[in-house]
C-alpha cells in the first residue's frame, strides 16, 4: 500500500520545485558569457548551497527542458574532450528578464516573511 504524502511533505516538494527553477536560472545567469552545461549547473547548485539544493539528473534535466520550452533558456552543443558533445545552457532575453523579476519578488517575500518571525 502506497503511503500518502503528509501535508508537510507536499509543501516541501512544492517549495523545492519553485526554488529549484529559480536557482537554475540564477546559476545560468552567472555564466552569461560562456554558458554552462548540466553537470556544471548541478555541481554549482550543490556547492553554493552547501548541499541544500543537490539535484540528480532525473530532477535537473526536466527543469532544463521546461525552462527551454518556456523560452527562458537556449541550448547549444559543444565538443567535449572527454566524450560526446554536451549541451551548454544560456539565458534568453526573456530568461534574463524573468530571472531579474523573480529576484525582486523573492527578495520582497523574504523581507516580509522575516517580519512575521
N, C-alpha and C. Protein backbone atom coordinates (compact mmCIF):
# COMPACT_ATOMS: atom_id res chain seq x y z
N UNK A 1 0.84 -1.18 0.00
CA UNK A 1 0.00 0.00 0.00
C UNK A 1 0.88 1.25 0.00
N UNK A 2 0.63 2.14 -0.93
CA UNK A 2 1.43 3.35 -1.06
C UNK A 2 1.00 4.38 -0.02
N UNK A 3 2.00 4.94 0.66
CA UNK A 3 1.74 5.93 1.69
C UNK A 3 1.44 7.29 1.04
N UNK A 4 0.39 7.93 1.48
CA UNK A 4 0.05 9.26 1.00
C UNK A 4 0.98 10.27 1.66
N UNK A 5 1.57 11.18 0.85
CA UNK A 5 2.48 12.16 1.46
C UNK A 5 1.74 13.05 2.44
N UNK A 6 2.43 13.42 3.51
CA UNK A 6 1.83 14.30 4.50
C UNK A 6 1.73 15.71 3.94
N UNK A 7 0.96 16.52 4.61
CA UNK A 7 0.83 17.93 4.22
C UNK A 7 2.21 18.58 4.17
N UNK A 8 3.01 18.31 5.18
CA UNK A 8 4.36 18.88 5.26
C UNK A 8 5.23 18.43 4.08
N UNK A 9 5.17 17.15 3.75
CA UNK A 9 5.95 16.63 2.63
C UNK A 9 5.51 17.27 1.31
N UNK A 10 4.22 17.46 1.14
CA UNK A 10 3.71 18.10 -0.07
C UNK A 10 4.20 19.53 -0.19
N UNK A 11 4.21 20.25 0.91
CA UNK A 11 4.71 21.62 0.92
C UNK A 11 6.19 21.65 0.54
N UNK A 12 6.97 20.75 1.12
CA UNK A 12 8.40 20.71 0.83
C UNK A 12 8.64 20.49 -0.65
N UNK A 13 7.89 19.60 -1.26
CA UNK A 13 8.04 19.31 -2.69
C UNK A 13 7.70 20.55 -3.52
N UNK A 14 6.60 21.21 -3.21
CA UNK A 14 6.18 22.38 -3.99
C UNK A 14 7.16 23.54 -3.85
N UNK A 15 7.59 23.80 -2.63
CA UNK A 15 8.55 24.89 -2.40
C UNK A 15 9.85 24.59 -3.12
N UNK A 16 10.34 23.38 -2.99
CA UNK A 16 11.61 22.99 -3.61
C UNK A 16 11.52 23.09 -5.14
N UNK A 17 10.41 22.71 -5.71
CA UNK A 17 10.24 22.76 -7.17
C UNK A 17 10.39 24.19 -7.68
N UNK A 18 9.71 25.12 -7.05
CA UNK A 18 9.81 26.51 -7.47
C UNK A 18 11.19 27.10 -7.23
N UNK A 19 11.77 26.79 -6.09
CA UNK A 19 13.09 27.30 -5.76
C UNK A 19 14.13 26.75 -6.72
N UNK A 20 14.02 25.48 -7.06
CA UNK A 20 14.99 24.88 -7.99
C UNK A 20 14.93 25.55 -9.36
N UNK A 21 13.76 25.84 -9.85
CA UNK A 21 13.65 26.50 -11.15
C UNK A 21 14.33 27.88 -11.10
N UNK A 22 14.08 28.62 -10.04
CA UNK A 22 14.73 29.91 -9.87
C UNK A 22 16.24 29.73 -9.74
N UNK A 23 16.67 28.77 -8.94
CA UNK A 23 18.10 28.55 -8.71
C UNK A 23 18.82 28.18 -10.00
N UNK A 24 18.18 27.39 -10.85
CA UNK A 24 18.78 27.04 -12.14
C UNK A 24 18.96 28.32 -12.98
N UNK A 25 17.95 29.17 -13.02
CA UNK A 25 18.09 30.43 -13.75
C UNK A 25 19.22 31.27 -13.16
N UNK A 26 19.34 31.28 -11.83
CA UNK A 26 20.40 32.05 -11.18
C UNK A 26 21.78 31.53 -11.57
N UNK A 27 21.96 30.23 -11.56
CA UNK A 27 23.26 29.65 -11.92
C UNK A 27 23.58 29.95 -13.38
N UNK A 28 22.63 29.74 -14.26
CA UNK A 28 22.87 30.01 -15.68
C UNK A 28 23.17 31.49 -15.88
N UNK A 29 22.51 32.36 -15.14
CA UNK A 29 22.75 33.79 -15.24
C UNK A 29 24.19 34.14 -14.87
N UNK A 30 24.77 33.42 -13.93
CA UNK A 30 26.16 33.66 -13.52
C UNK A 30 27.15 33.33 -14.63
N UNK A 31 26.70 32.62 -15.64
CA UNK A 31 27.57 32.16 -16.73
C UNK A 31 27.10 32.73 -18.07
N UNK A 32 26.76 34.00 -18.07
CA UNK A 32 26.21 34.65 -19.27
C UNK A 32 27.15 34.58 -20.47
N UNK A 33 28.42 34.73 -20.23
CA UNK A 33 29.39 34.79 -21.34
C UNK A 33 29.53 33.46 -22.07
N UNK A 34 29.80 32.38 -21.33
CA UNK A 34 30.12 31.10 -21.94
C UNK A 34 29.02 30.06 -21.83
N UNK A 35 28.01 30.31 -21.00
CA UNK A 35 27.00 29.29 -20.74
C UNK A 35 27.55 28.24 -19.79
N UNK A 36 26.73 27.27 -19.48
CA UNK A 36 27.12 26.22 -18.53
C UNK A 36 26.37 24.94 -18.89
N UNK A 37 27.03 23.82 -18.73
CA UNK A 37 26.40 22.54 -19.04
C UNK A 37 25.68 22.00 -17.81
N UNK A 38 24.85 21.00 -18.02
CA UNK A 38 24.01 20.46 -16.95
C UNK A 38 24.80 20.00 -15.74
N UNK A 39 25.91 19.29 -15.97
CA UNK A 39 26.71 18.83 -14.83
C UNK A 39 27.23 20.02 -14.03
N UNK A 40 27.64 21.08 -14.73
CA UNK A 40 28.12 22.28 -14.05
C UNK A 40 27.03 22.94 -13.23
N UNK A 41 25.81 22.95 -13.75
CA UNK A 41 24.69 23.51 -13.00
C UNK A 41 24.47 22.71 -11.72
N UNK A 42 24.42 21.39 -11.85
CA UNK A 42 24.20 20.53 -10.68
C UNK A 42 25.30 20.72 -9.65
N UNK A 43 26.56 20.77 -10.12
CA UNK A 43 27.69 20.92 -9.20
C UNK A 43 27.61 22.26 -8.48
N UNK A 44 27.31 23.33 -9.22
CA UNK A 44 27.25 24.65 -8.61
C UNK A 44 26.08 24.76 -7.63
N UNK A 45 24.94 24.18 -7.96
CA UNK A 45 23.81 24.19 -7.03
C UNK A 45 24.20 23.53 -5.71
N UNK A 46 24.85 22.41 -5.80
CA UNK A 46 25.25 21.68 -4.60
C UNK A 46 26.30 22.45 -3.80
N UNK A 47 27.35 22.92 -4.48
CA UNK A 47 28.45 23.58 -3.79
C UNK A 47 28.04 24.92 -3.18
N UNK A 48 27.31 25.72 -3.94
CA UNK A 48 27.00 27.08 -3.48
C UNK A 48 25.89 27.10 -2.42
N UNK A 49 25.17 25.98 -2.27
CA UNK A 49 24.10 25.92 -1.25
C UNK A 49 24.45 24.92 -0.15
N UNK A 50 25.72 24.55 -0.05
CA UNK A 50 26.17 23.58 0.96
C UNK A 50 25.33 22.30 0.93
N UNK A 51 24.97 21.86 -0.27
CA UNK A 51 24.25 20.60 -0.44
C UNK A 51 22.74 20.71 -0.33
N UNK A 52 22.23 21.85 0.07
CA UNK A 52 20.78 22.01 0.24
C UNK A 52 20.03 21.79 -1.06
N UNK A 53 20.59 22.29 -2.17
CA UNK A 53 19.92 22.14 -3.47
C UNK A 53 20.64 21.14 -4.36
N UNK A 54 21.10 20.06 -3.77
CA UNK A 54 21.70 18.99 -4.57
C UNK A 54 20.60 18.36 -5.42
N UNK A 55 20.89 18.20 -6.71
CA UNK A 55 19.89 17.63 -7.62
C UNK A 55 20.49 16.47 -8.40
N UNK A 56 19.65 15.54 -8.70
CA UNK A 56 20.03 14.41 -9.54
C UNK A 56 19.61 14.70 -10.97
N UNK A 57 20.17 13.96 -11.92
CA UNK A 57 19.83 14.17 -13.33
C UNK A 57 18.34 14.09 -13.57
N UNK A 58 17.67 13.15 -12.91
CA UNK A 58 16.24 12.96 -13.10
C UNK A 58 15.40 14.13 -12.64
N UNK A 59 15.99 15.01 -11.84
CA UNK A 59 15.32 16.24 -11.41
C UNK A 59 15.76 17.42 -12.27
N UNK A 60 17.06 17.53 -12.52
CA UNK A 60 17.60 18.69 -13.22
C UNK A 60 17.16 18.76 -14.68
N UNK A 61 17.28 17.68 -15.41
CA UNK A 61 17.02 17.75 -16.85
C UNK A 61 15.56 18.05 -17.20
N UNK A 62 14.60 17.57 -16.45
CA UNK A 62 13.22 18.02 -16.72
C UNK A 62 13.04 19.52 -16.46
N UNK A 63 13.74 20.06 -15.47
CA UNK A 63 13.67 21.51 -15.22
C UNK A 63 14.27 22.26 -16.40
N UNK A 64 15.44 21.82 -16.86
CA UNK A 64 16.07 22.46 -18.01
C UNK A 64 15.17 22.39 -19.24
N UNK A 65 14.54 21.24 -19.45
CA UNK A 65 13.63 21.08 -20.59
C UNK A 65 12.45 22.05 -20.46
N UNK A 66 11.88 22.15 -19.27
CA UNK A 66 10.74 23.04 -19.04
C UNK A 66 11.13 24.49 -19.29
N UNK A 67 12.31 24.90 -18.80
CA UNK A 67 12.76 26.27 -18.98
C UNK A 67 13.05 26.57 -20.46
N UNK A 68 13.52 25.57 -21.19
CA UNK A 68 13.71 25.74 -22.64
C UNK A 68 12.36 25.87 -23.34
N UNK A 69 11.42 25.04 -22.94
CA UNK A 69 10.09 25.08 -23.55
C UNK A 69 9.42 26.44 -23.30
N UNK A 70 9.69 27.03 -22.15
CA UNK A 70 9.14 28.35 -21.82
C UNK A 70 9.96 29.48 -22.45
N UNK A 71 10.98 29.11 -23.21
CA UNK A 71 11.87 30.05 -23.91
C UNK A 71 12.65 30.95 -22.95
N UNK A 72 12.99 30.40 -21.79
CA UNK A 72 13.83 31.13 -20.84
C UNK A 72 15.30 30.74 -20.98
N UNK A 73 15.54 29.59 -21.58
CA UNK A 73 16.90 29.10 -21.83
C UNK A 73 17.06 28.74 -23.29
N UNK A 74 18.26 28.96 -23.80
CA UNK A 74 18.68 28.43 -25.09
C UNK A 74 19.73 27.37 -24.82
N UNK A 75 19.94 26.50 -25.79
CA UNK A 75 20.96 25.48 -25.65
C UNK A 75 21.78 25.42 -26.93
N UNK A 76 23.05 25.19 -26.76
CA UNK A 76 23.92 24.95 -27.91
C UNK A 76 24.78 23.74 -27.57
N UNK A 77 25.30 23.10 -28.59
CA UNK A 77 26.17 21.95 -28.34
C UNK A 77 27.62 22.38 -28.42
N UNK A 78 28.44 21.68 -27.67
CA UNK A 78 29.85 21.99 -27.57
C UNK A 78 30.63 20.69 -27.56
N UNK A 79 31.72 20.65 -28.29
CA UNK A 79 32.56 19.45 -28.28
C UNK A 79 33.16 19.26 -26.90
N UNK A 80 33.32 17.99 -26.54
CA UNK A 80 33.92 17.66 -25.26
C UNK A 80 35.13 16.77 -25.50
N UNK A 81 36.22 17.05 -24.82
CA UNK A 81 37.42 16.22 -24.93
C UNK A 81 37.19 14.84 -24.32
N UNK A 82 36.24 14.77 -23.40
CA UNK A 82 36.01 13.54 -22.65
C UNK A 82 34.98 12.61 -23.29
N UNK A 83 34.36 12.99 -24.38
CA UNK A 83 33.34 12.12 -24.96
C UNK A 83 32.43 12.84 -25.92
N UNK A 84 31.14 12.52 -25.85
CA UNK A 84 30.18 13.10 -26.80
C UNK A 84 30.00 14.60 -26.57
N UNK A 85 29.37 15.26 -27.55
CA UNK A 85 29.09 16.69 -27.39
C UNK A 85 28.19 16.88 -26.17
N UNK A 86 28.30 18.05 -25.60
CA UNK A 86 27.45 18.32 -24.44
C UNK A 86 26.65 19.58 -24.70
N UNK A 87 25.52 19.66 -24.03
CA UNK A 87 24.64 20.81 -24.18
C UNK A 87 25.09 21.90 -23.21
N UNK A 88 25.14 23.11 -23.71
CA UNK A 88 25.50 24.27 -22.91
C UNK A 88 24.29 25.20 -22.88
N UNK A 89 23.90 25.60 -21.68
CA UNK A 89 22.69 26.41 -21.49
C UNK A 89 23.05 27.87 -21.26
N UNK A 90 22.26 28.76 -21.87
CA UNK A 90 22.39 30.20 -21.69
C UNK A 90 20.99 30.80 -21.55
N UNK A 91 20.90 31.90 -20.82
CA UNK A 91 19.62 32.57 -20.68
C UNK A 91 19.25 33.27 -21.99
N UNK A 92 17.98 33.26 -22.30
CA UNK A 92 17.47 34.08 -23.39
C UNK A 92 17.23 35.48 -22.83
N UNK A 93 16.85 36.42 -23.68
CA UNK A 93 16.48 37.74 -23.19
C UNK A 93 15.32 37.66 -22.21
N UNK A 94 14.31 36.85 -22.55
CA UNK A 94 13.18 36.65 -21.64
C UNK A 94 13.62 35.97 -20.35
N UNK A 95 14.55 35.03 -20.46
CA UNK A 95 15.06 34.34 -19.28
C UNK A 95 15.74 35.29 -18.33
N UNK A 96 16.53 36.21 -18.88
CA UNK A 96 17.20 37.21 -18.04
C UNK A 96 16.19 38.12 -17.38
N UNK A 97 15.18 38.55 -18.14
CA UNK A 97 14.13 39.42 -17.60
C UNK A 97 13.36 38.73 -16.48
N UNK A 98 12.96 37.48 -16.73
CA UNK A 98 12.21 36.72 -15.73
C UNK A 98 13.05 36.49 -14.49
N UNK A 99 14.33 36.15 -14.68
CA UNK A 99 15.22 35.94 -13.53
C UNK A 99 15.31 37.21 -12.68
N UNK A 100 15.49 38.36 -13.32
CA UNK A 100 15.60 39.61 -12.57
C UNK A 100 14.28 39.94 -11.85
N UNK A 101 13.14 39.72 -12.52
CA UNK A 101 11.84 39.98 -11.89
C UNK A 101 11.62 39.05 -10.70
N UNK A 102 11.96 37.78 -10.86
CA UNK A 102 11.79 36.82 -9.76
C UNK A 102 12.70 37.17 -8.59
N UNK A 103 13.89 37.68 -8.88
CA UNK A 103 14.80 38.07 -7.81
C UNK A 103 14.19 39.16 -6.96
N UNK A 104 13.59 40.16 -7.60
CA UNK A 104 12.93 41.24 -6.86
C UNK A 104 11.78 40.69 -6.02
N UNK A 105 10.98 39.84 -6.62
CA UNK A 105 9.83 39.26 -5.91
C UNK A 105 10.30 38.43 -4.72
N UNK A 106 11.28 37.57 -4.93
CA UNK A 106 11.76 36.71 -3.84
C UNK A 106 12.41 37.53 -2.72
N UNK A 107 13.15 38.58 -3.08
CA UNK A 107 13.73 39.45 -2.05
C UNK A 107 12.63 40.08 -1.21
N UNK A 108 11.57 40.52 -1.87
CA UNK A 108 10.45 41.14 -1.17
C UNK A 108 9.74 40.14 -0.26
N UNK A 109 9.51 38.94 -0.78
CA UNK A 109 8.87 37.90 0.02
C UNK A 109 9.72 37.58 1.24
N UNK A 110 11.02 37.41 1.03
CA UNK A 110 11.92 37.10 2.16
C UNK A 110 11.86 38.19 3.21
N UNK A 111 11.90 39.45 2.77
CA UNK A 111 11.85 40.58 3.69
C UNK A 111 10.55 40.56 4.50
N UNK A 112 9.42 40.31 3.85
CA UNK A 112 8.12 40.32 4.53
C UNK A 112 7.98 39.12 5.47
N UNK A 113 8.53 37.98 5.07
CA UNK A 113 8.46 36.80 5.95
C UNK A 113 9.30 36.99 7.20
N UNK A 114 10.42 37.68 7.07
CA UNK A 114 11.27 37.94 8.23
C UNK A 114 10.51 38.75 9.28
N UNK A 115 9.63 39.66 8.83
CA UNK A 115 8.83 40.48 9.76
C UNK A 115 7.87 39.59 10.55
N UNK A 116 7.45 38.49 9.94
CA UNK A 116 6.48 37.60 10.62
C UNK A 116 7.11 36.68 11.65
N UNK A 117 8.39 36.56 11.66
CA UNK A 117 9.06 35.63 12.59
C UNK A 117 9.00 36.09 14.00
